[in-house]
Amino acid sequence: MVYVGGINFCDHNYAWHDMMIRVEDPALGRLLAGDFESTWEGRPRSFDEEVGGIRVISLNGRGNPERLRPVLDAIDGARREIEVVSAYLSPPFSDRLAAASRRGVRVQVLTPARNTNPNLARFILEAARRHRFEIARYPGRMNHLKAMLVDRELLIAGSCNFDFLSYHILEEVVVLTRDPGLVDAFLRRVWLPDLAMATPREPRTSIRTRLGHASVRLGAVLASAVALP
């Protein structure tokens, strides 16, 4: 049995709203156990493997953009709608979502009203205004969940925040699955209930959102510059 997701095991983050996916599959368990042991020993691995109908991508902080190509390809291939939960959505994922919106794909973004990173919160609002994303803000506690549903057929989840740090620098685990049971469980237990609790927000531009947008863009450029090949 394995759990894949974004929950941080500490008192501070325990109060946050988050999600883990439980999968009972011996082969997947062996794969991720080996990945954990390698990381523990200071030898983080990078791989892209399919086990039991789940595609598992492990990022080790080197060559992340190539490993994350399937995620960007999934956004590029969307036909109808993309539903995203993220507190830290930023380039290049936000850019691909913008391109999807321009070609007529409905893009919905659920993000926390109380974000631990104010600049990213402002970036998301400004990006939503510029690219016609539908924004809803999760109330109360921090929503640390990260997931993306493409055409209600492909679920992308894991520890990746869909941000420039995960794309260029961080060690992450990402899963992609078309398993109908997992997709349905995400819709019923996470997306639809959380969206019902959230408040739709009409994104408006301001000096703060424009500055936030510019600072995140600069951060993405710097992350790209220092990323390991």
C-alpha atoms as a PDB file:
ATOM      1  CA  MET A   1       0.000   0.000   0.000  1.00  0.00           C
ATOM      2  CA  VAL A   2       1.332   3.442  -0.933  1.00  0.00           C
ATOM      3  CA  TYR A   3       0.149   6.992  -0.427  1.00  0.00           C
ATOM      4  CA  VAL A   4       1.005   9.635  -3.017  1.00  0.00           C
ATOM      5  CA  GLY A   5       0.228  13.295  -2.577  1.00  0.00           C
ATOM      6  CA  GLY A   6       1.223  16.569  -1.017  1.00  0.00           C
ATOM      7  CA  ILE A   7       0.696  16.243   2.736  1.00  0.00           C
ATOM      8  CA  ASN A   8       3.676  17.439   4.763  1.00  0.00           C
ATOM      9  CA  PHE A   9       4.240  15.495   7.970  1.00  0.00           C
ATOM     10  CA  CYS A  10       4.563  18.292  10.515  1.00  0.00           C
ATOM     11  CA  ASP A  11       2.305  19.957  13.079  1.00  0.00           C
ATOM     12  CA  HIS A  12       2.107  23.234  11.166  1.00  0.00           C
ATOM     13  CA  ASN A  13       0.958  21.686   7.905  1.00  0.00           C
ATOM     14  CA  TYR A  14      -1.296  19.088   9.524  1.00  0.00           C
ATOM     15  CA  ALA A  15      -4.066  21.686   9.805  1.00  0.00           C
ATOM     16  CA  TRP A  16      -3.993  22.401   6.071  1.00  0.00           C
ATOM     17  CA  HIS A  17      -6.504  20.967   3.622  1.00  0.00           C
ATOM     18  CA  ASP A  18      -4.732  18.405   1.435  1.00  0.00           C
ATOM     19  CA  MET A  19      -5.080  15.059  -0.323  1.00  0.00           C
ATOM     20  CA  MET A  20      -3.279  11.749  -0.620  1.00  0.00           C
ATOM     21  CA  ILE A  21      -4.094   8.946  -3.052  1.00  0.00           C
ATOM     22  CA  ARG A  22      -3.946   5.441  -1.587  1.00  0.00           C
ATOM     23  CA  VAL A  23      -3.037   2.653  -3.989  1.00  0.00           C
ATOM     24  CA  GLU A  24      -2.744  -1.010  -3.045  1.00  0.00           C
ATOM     25  CA  ASP A  25      -0.307  -2.453  -5.556  1.00  0.00           C
ATOM     26  CA  PRO A  26       2.820  -4.447  -4.603  1.00  0.00           C
ATOM     27  CA  ALA A  27       4.759  -3.415  -7.716  1.00  0.00           C
ATOM     28  CA  LEU A  28       4.055   0.264  -7.102  1.00  0.00           C
ATOM     29  CA  GLY A  29       5.007  -0.201  -3.468  1.00  0.00           C
ATOM     30  CA  ARG A  30       8.364  -1.679  -4.430  1.00  0.00           C
ATOM     31  CA  LEU A  31       9.002   1.097  -6.956  1.00  0.00           C
ATOM     32  CA  LEU A  32       8.332   3.920  -4.514  1.00  0.00           C
ATOM     33  CA  ALA A  33      10.082   2.173  -1.623  1.00  0.00           C
ATOM     34  CA  GLY A  34      13.198   1.955  -3.771  1.00  0.00           C
ATOM     35  CA  ASP A  35      12.826   5.612  -4.676  1.00  0.00           C
ATOM     36  CA  PHE A  36      12.549   6.557  -1.002  1.00  0.00           C
ATOM     37  CA  GLU A  37      15.629   4.547  -0.058  1.00  0.00           C
ATOM     38  CA  SER A  38      17.685   6.115  -2.847  1.00  0.00           C
ATOM     39  CA  THR A  39      16.624   9.604  -1.788  1.00  0.00           C
ATOM     40  CA  TRP A  40      17.367   8.805   1.872  1.00  0.00           C
ATOM     41  CA  GLU A  41      20.867   7.760   0.882  1.00  0.00           C
ATOM     42  CA  GLY A  42      21.430  10.995  -1.039  1.00  0.00           C
ATOM     43  CA  ARG A  43      20.980   9.433  -4.474  1.00  0.00           C
ATOM     44  CA  PRO A  44      17.590  10.737  -5.660  1.00  0.00           C
ATOM     45  CA  ARG A  45      16.399   9.029  -8.815  1.00  0.00           C
ATOM     46  CA  SER A  46      14.556  10.284 -11.853  1.00  0.00           C
ATOM     47  CA  PHE A  47      12.245   7.921 -13.716  1.00  0.00           C
ATOM     48  CA  ASP A  48       9.008   7.642 -15.662  1.00  0.00           C
ATOM     49  CA  GLU A  49       7.311   4.249 -15.293  1.00  0.00           C
ATOM     50  CA  GLU A  50       3.814   2.815 -15.588  1.00  0.00           C
ATOM     51  CA  VAL A  51       2.694   0.414 -12.883  1.00  0.00           C
ATOM     52  CA  GLY A  52      -0.796  -1.012 -12.548  1.00  0.00           C
ATOM     53  CA  GLY A  53      -2.384   1.581 -14.801  1.00  0.00           C
ATOM     54  CA  ILE A  54      -0.696   4.498 -13.026  1.00  0.00           C
ATOM     55  CA  ARG A  55       2.107   6.477 -14.624  1.00  0.00           C
ATOM     56  CA  VAL A  56       4.643   7.485 -11.981  1.00  0.00           C
ATOM     57  CA  ILE A  57       7.125  10.278 -12.647  1.00  0.00           C
ATOM     58  CA  SER A  58       9.887  10.851 -10.120  1.00  0.00           C
ATOM     59  CA  LEU A  59      11.810  14.125 -10.289  1.00  0.00           C
ATOM     60  CA  ASN A  60      15.262  14.412  -8.741  1.00  0.00           C
ATOM     61  CA  GLY A  61      15.888  18.094  -9.419  1.00  0.00           C
ATOM     62  CA  ARG A  62      17.941  17.446 -12.536  1.00  0.00           C
ATOM     63  CA  GLY A  63      16.316  17.565 -15.944  1.00  0.00           C
ATOM     64  CA  ASN A  64      12.856  18.098 -14.460  1.00  0.00           C
ATOM     65  CA  PRO A  65      11.447  19.852 -17.560  1.00  0.00           C
ATOM     66  CA  GLU A  66      11.929  16.766 -19.712  1.00  0.00           C
ATOM     67  CA  ARG A  67      10.292  14.504 -17.125  1.00  0.00           C
ATOM     68  CA  LEU A  68       7.322  16.856 -16.790  1.00  0.00           C
ATOM     69  CA  ARG A  69       6.672  16.963 -20.519  1.00  0.00           C
ATOM     70  CA  PRO A  70       3.731  14.496 -20.203  1.00  0.00           C
ATOM     71  CA  VAL A  71       1.955  16.921 -17.866  1.00  0.00           C
ATOM     72  CA  LEU A  72       2.353  19.823 -20.287  1.00  0.00           C
ATOM     73  CA  ASP A  73       1.351  17.570 -23.184  1.00  0.00           C
ATOM     74  CA  ALA A  74      -1.825  16.642 -21.302  1.00  0.00           C
ATOM     75  CA  ILE A  75      -2.722  20.323 -20.919  1.00  0.00           C
ATOM     76  CA  ASP A  76      -1.967  20.937 -24.591  1.00  0.00           C
ATOM     77  CA  GLY A  77      -4.167  17.998 -25.557  1.00  0.00           C
ATOM     78  CA  ALA A  78      -7.234  19.036 -23.545  1.00  0.00           C
ATOM     79  CA  ARG A  79     -10.408  19.241 -25.615  1.00  0.00           C
ATOM     80  CA  ARG A  80     -13.114  20.525 -23.262  1.00  0.00           C
ATOM     81  CA  GLU A  81     -12.062  21.470 -19.745  1.00  0.00           C
ATOM     82  CA  ILE A  82      -9.212  21.526 -17.254  1.00  0.00           C
ATOM     83  CA  GLU A  83      -9.936  21.669 -13.525  1.00  0.00           C
ATOM     84  CA  VAL A  84      -6.982  22.657 -11.334  1.00  0.00           C
ATOM     85  CA  VAL A  85      -6.439  22.841  -7.589  1.00  0.00           C
ATOM     86  CA  SER A  86      -3.259  24.707  -6.698  1.00  0.00           C
ATOM     87  CA  ALA A  87      -2.062  27.382  -4.306  1.00  0.00           C
ATOM     88  CA  TYR A  88       1.123  28.060  -6.238  1.00  0.00           C
ATOM     89  CA  LEU A  89       0.163  27.765  -9.915  1.00  0.00           C
ATOM     90  CA  SER A  90       2.778  29.521 -12.050  1.00  0.00           C
ATOM     91  CA  PRO A  91       4.842  29.164 -15.261  1.00  0.00           C
ATOM     92  CA  PRO A  92       5.134  27.111 -17.324  1.00  0.00           C
ATOM     93  CA  PHE A  93       1.909  25.389 -16.263  1.00  0.00           C
ATOM     94  CA  SER A  94      -0.056  28.649 -16.149  1.00  0.00           C
ATOM     95  CA  ASP A  95       1.206  29.514 -19.640  1.00  0.00           C
ATOM     96  CA  ARG A  96      -0.030  26.213 -21.062  1.00  0.00           C
ATOM     97  CA  LEU A  97      -3.382  26.722 -19.341  1.00  0.00           C
ATOM     98  CA  ALA A  98      -3.535  30.176 -20.936  1.00  0.00           C
ATOM     99  CA  ALA A  99      -2.960  28.631 -24.357  1.00  0.00           C
ATOM    100  CA  ALA A 100      -5.695  26.072 -23.659  1.00  0.00           C
ATOM    101  CA  SER A 101      -8.096  28.850 -22.687  1.00  0.00           C
ATOM    102  CA  ARG A 102      -7.347  30.721 -25.904  1.00  0.00           C
ATOM    103  CA  ARG A 103      -8.345  27.716 -27.980  1.00  0.00           C
ATOM    104  CA  GLY A 104     -11.672  27.398 -26.165  1.00  0.00           C
ATOM    105  CA  VAL A 105     -10.928  24.988 -23.315  1.00  0.00           C
ATOM    106  CA  ARG A 106     -12.687  25.874 -20.064  1.00  0.00           C
ATOM    107  CA  VAL A 107     -10.085  26.402 -17.326  1.00  0.00           C
ATOM    108  CA  GLN A 108     -11.217  26.391 -13.692  1.00  0.00           C
ATOM    109  CA  VAL A 109      -8.741  27.094 -10.894  1.00  0.00           C
ATOM    110  CA  LEU A 110      -9.501  26.436  -7.228  1.00  0.00           C
ATOM    111  CA  THR A 111      -7.024  28.247  -4.988  1.00  0.00           C
ATOM    112  CA  PRO A 112      -7.000  29.199  -1.286  1.00  0.00           C
ATOM    113  CA  ALA A 113      -8.360  32.515  -0.076  1.00  0.00           C
ATOM    114  CA  ARG A 114      -5.642  32.443   2.605  1.00  0.00           C
ATOM    115  CA  ASN A 115      -2.464  31.649   0.691  1.00  0.00           C
ATOM    116  CA  THR A 116       0.913  31.181   2.374  1.00  0.00           C
ATOM    117  CA  ASN A 117       2.510  32.933  -0.610  1.00  0.00           C
ATOM    118  CA  PRO A 118       0.816  36.296  -1.278  1.00  0.00           C
ATOM    119  CA  ASN A 119       2.785  36.961  -4.467  1.00  0.00           C
ATOM    120  CA  LEU A 120       1.625  33.699  -6.023  1.00  0.00           C
ATOM    121  CA  ALA A 121      -1.942  34.440  -4.949  1.00  0.00           C
ATOM    122  CA  ARG A 122      -1.712  37.774  -6.778  1.00  0.00           C
ATOM    123  CA  PHE A 123      -0.084  36.132  -9.779  1.00  0.00           C
ATOM    124  CA  ILE A 124      -2.950  33.657 -10.068  1.00  0.00           C
ATOM    125  CA  LEU A 125      -5.550  36.427  -9.959  1.00  0.00           C
ATOM    126  CA  GLU A 126      -3.728  38.459 -12.594  1.00  0.00           C
ATOM    127  CA  ALA A 127      -3.215  35.410 -14.822  1.00  0.00           C
ATOM    128  CA  ALA A 128      -6.898  34.545 -14.462  1.00  0.00           C
ATOM    129  CA  ARG A 129      -7.916  38.020 -15.560  1.00  0.00           C
ATOM    130  CA  ARG A 130      -5.567  38.030 -18.542  1.00  0.00           C
ATOM    131  CA  HIS A 131      -6.393  34.529 -19.744  1.00  0.00           C
ATOM    132  CA  ARG A 132     -10.027  34.111 -18.695  1.00  0.00           C
ATOM    133  CA  PHE A 133      -9.577  31.381 -16.123  1.00  0.00           C
ATOM    134  CA  GLU A 134     -12.536  30.828 -13.817  1.00  0.00           C
ATOM    135  CA  ILE A 135     -11.337  31.374 -10.250  1.00  0.00           C
ATOM    136  CA  ALA A 136     -12.843  30.053  -7.021  1.00  0.00           C
ATOM    137  CA  ARG A 137     -11.244  30.635  -3.628  1.00  0.00           C
ATOM    138  CA  TYR A 138     -11.308  27.958  -0.931  1.00  0.00           C
ATOM    139  CA  PRO A 139     -12.368  29.490   2.406  1.00  0.00           C
ATOM    140  CA  GLY A 140     -10.810  29.291   5.842  1.00  0.00           C
ATOM    141  CA  ARG A 141      -7.684  27.210   6.256  1.00  0.00           C
ATOM    142  CA  MET A 142      -4.860  26.916   3.758  1.00  0.00           C
ATOM    143  CA  ASN A 143      -5.623  24.578   0.853  1.00  0.00           C
ATOM    144  CA  HIS A 144      -2.316  22.850   0.032  1.00  0.00           C
ATOM    145  CA  LEU A 145      -3.888  20.365  -2.378  1.00  0.00           C
ATOM    146  CA  LYS A 146      -2.471  20.018  -5.868  1.00  0.00           C
ATOM    147  CA  ALA A 147      -4.285  18.158  -8.620  1.00  0.00           C
ATOM    148  CA  MET A 148      -5.383  18.600 -12.200  1.00  0.00           C
ATOM    149  CA  LEU A 149      -8.234  16.899 -14.040  1.00  0.00           C
ATOM    150  CA  VAL A 150      -8.164  17.011 -17.832  1.00  0.00           C
ATOM    151  CA  ASP A 151     -11.478  16.480 -19.640  1.00  0.00           C
ATOM    152  CA  ARG A 152     -12.606  14.510 -16.572  1.00  0.00           C
ATOM    153  CA  GLU A 153     -10.599  11.619 -17.970  1.00  0.00           C
ATOM    154  CA  LEU A 154      -7.002  12.123 -16.810  1.00  0.00           C
ATOM    155  CA  LEU A 155      -6.097  12.835 -13.186  1.00  0.00           C
ATOM    156  CA  ILE A 156      -2.689  14.347 -12.417  1.00  0.00           C
ATOM    157  CA  ALA A 157      -1.683  14.535  -8.763  1.00  0.00           C
ATOM    158  CA  GLY A 158       1.212  14.064  -6.373  1.00  0.00           C
ATOM    159  CA  SER A 159       3.566  16.503  -4.682  1.00  0.00           C
ATOM    160  CA  CYS A 160       4.160  18.818  -7.660  1.00  0.00           C
ATOM    161  CA  ASN A 161       2.649  22.268  -7.080  1.00  0.00           C
ATOM    162  CA  PHE A 162       2.391  23.054 -10.804  1.00  0.00           C
ATOM    163  CA  ASP A 163       4.838  25.879 -10.177  1.00  0.00           C
ATOM    164  CA  PHE A 164       8.224  26.989 -11.491  1.00  0.00           C
ATOM    165  CA  LEU A 165      10.156  25.560  -8.521  1.00  0.00           C
ATOM    166  CA  SER A 166       8.794  22.053  -9.078  1.00  0.00           C
ATOM    167  CA  TYR A 167       9.383  22.428 -12.798  1.00  0.00           C
ATOM    168  CA  HIS A 168      13.032  23.420 -12.510  1.00  0.00           C
ATOM    169  CA  ILE A 169      14.499  22.544  -9.115  1.00  0.00           C
ATOM    170  CA  LEU A 170      12.580  20.413  -6.618  1.00  0.00           C
ATOM    171  CA  GLU A 171      12.369  16.667  -6.061  1.00  0.00           C
ATOM    172  CA  GLU A 172       8.783  15.533  -6.583  1.00  0.00           C
ATOM    173  CA  VAL A 173       6.578  12.544  -7.369  1.00  0.00           C
ATOM    174  CA  VAL A 174       3.793  12.950  -9.934  1.00  0.00           C
ATOM    175  CA  VAL A 175       1.164  10.393 -10.900  1.00  0.00           C
ATOM    176  CA  LEU A 176      -1.039  10.371 -13.982  1.00  0.00           C
ATOM    177  CA  THR A 177      -3.978   7.999 -14.231  1.00  0.00           C
ATOM    178  CA  ARG A 178      -7.075   7.418 -16.323  1.00  0.00           C
ATOM    179  CA  ASP A 179      -8.427   4.884 -13.845  1.00  0.00           C
ATOM    180  CA  PRO A 180     -12.196   5.578 -13.747  1.00  0.00           C
ATOM    181  CA  GLY A 181     -12.398   4.744 -10.045  1.00  0.00           C
ATOM    182  CA  LEU A 182      -9.691   7.216  -9.064  1.00  0.00           C
ATOM    183  CA  VAL A 183     -11.067   9.927 -11.357  1.00  0.00           C
ATOM    184  CA  ASP A 184     -14.567   9.443  -9.938  1.00  0.00           C
ATOM    185  CA  ALA A 185     -13.291   9.433  -6.345  1.00  0.00           C
ATOM    186  CA  PHE A 186     -11.438  12.694  -6.933  1.00  0.00           C
ATOM    187  CA  LEU A 187     -14.546  14.305  -8.399  1.00  0.00           C
ATOM    188  CA  ARG A 188     -16.909  13.106  -5.665  1.00  0.00           C
ATOM    189  CA  ARG A 189     -14.670  13.429  -2.629  1.00  0.00           C
ATOM    190  CA  VAL A 190     -12.458  16.393  -3.495  1.00  0.00           C
ATOM    191  CA  TRP A 191     -13.258  18.599  -6.480  1.00  0.00           C
ATOM    192  CA  LEU A 192     -17.036  18.926  -6.312  1.00  0.00           C
ATOM    193  CA  PRO A 193     -17.310  19.331  -2.495  1.00  0.00           C
ATOM    194  CA  ASP A 194     -14.427  21.810  -2.362  1.00  0.00           C
ATOM    195  CA  LEU A 195     -15.794  23.796  -5.288  1.00  0.00           C
ATOM    196  CA  ALA A 196     -19.198  23.949  -3.594  1.00  0.00           C
ATOM    197  CA  MET A 197     -17.544  25.461  -0.499  1.00  0.00           C
ATOM    198  CA  ALA A 198     -15.505  27.971  -2.487  1.00  0.00           C
ATOM    199  CA  THR A 199     -16.388  31.525  -3.447  1.00  0.00           C
ATOM    200  CA  PRO A 200     -16.225  32.474  -7.135  1.00  0.00           C
ATOM    201  CA  ARG A 201     -13.942  35.454  -7.651  1.00  0.00           C
ATOM    202  CA  GLU A 202     -14.106  37.879 -10.537  1.00  0.00           C
ATOM    203  CA  PRO A 203     -10.408  38.618 -11.112  1.00  0.00           C
ATOM    204  CA  ARG A 204      -9.617  42.315 -11.297  1.00  0.00           C
ATOM    205  CA  THR A 205      -6.280  43.894 -12.001  1.00  0.00           C
ATOM    206  CA  SER A 206      -4.513  46.162  -9.535  1.00  0.00           C
ATOM    207  CA  ILE A 207      -1.021  47.398  -8.829  1.00  0.00           C
ATOM    208  CA  ARG A 208      -0.602  44.528  -6.361  1.00  0.00           C
ATOM    209  CA  THR A 209      -1.701  41.824  -8.807  1.00  0.00           C
ATOM    210  CA  ARG A 210       0.495  43.255 -11.554  1.00  0.00           C
ATOM    211  CA  LEU A 211       3.503  43.434  -9.229  1.00  0.00           C
ATOM    212  CA  GLY A 212       2.816  39.896  -8.040  1.00  0.00           C
ATOM    213  CA  HIS A 213       2.597  38.725 -11.627  1.00  0.00           C
ATOM    214  CA  ALA A 214       5.892  40.413 -12.520  1.00  0.00           C
ATOM    215  CA  SER A 215       7.718  39.060  -9.464  1.00  0.00           C
ATOM    216  CA  VAL A 216       6.616  35.492 -10.142  1.00  0.00           C
ATOM    217  CA  ARG A 217       7.686  35.832 -13.773  1.00  0.00           C
ATOM    218  CA  LEU A 218      11.098  36.986 -12.580  1.00  0.00           C
ATOM    219  CA  GLY A 219      11.280  34.091 -10.135  1.00  0.00           C
ATOM    220  CA  ALA A 220      10.576  31.649 -12.944  1.00  0.00           C
ATOM    221  CA  VAL A 221      13.404  33.108 -15.020  1.00  0.00           C
ATOM    222  CA  LEU A 222      15.834  32.876 -12.092  1.00  0.00           C
ATOM    223  CA  ALA A 223      14.793  29.292 -11.326  1.00  0.00           C
ATOM    224  CA  SER A 224      15.437  28.350 -14.937  1.00  0.00           C
ATOM    225  CA  ALA A 225      18.874  29.973 -14.765  1.00  0.00           C
ATOM    226  CA  VAL A 226      20.011  28.045 -11.669  1.00  0.00           C
ATOM    227  CA  ALA A 227      18.379  24.699 -12.544  1.00  0.00           C
ATOM    228  CA  LEU A 228      20.690  21.716 -12.866  1.00  0.00           C
ATOM    229  CA  PRO A 229      20.811  20.067 -16.300  1.00  0.00           C
END
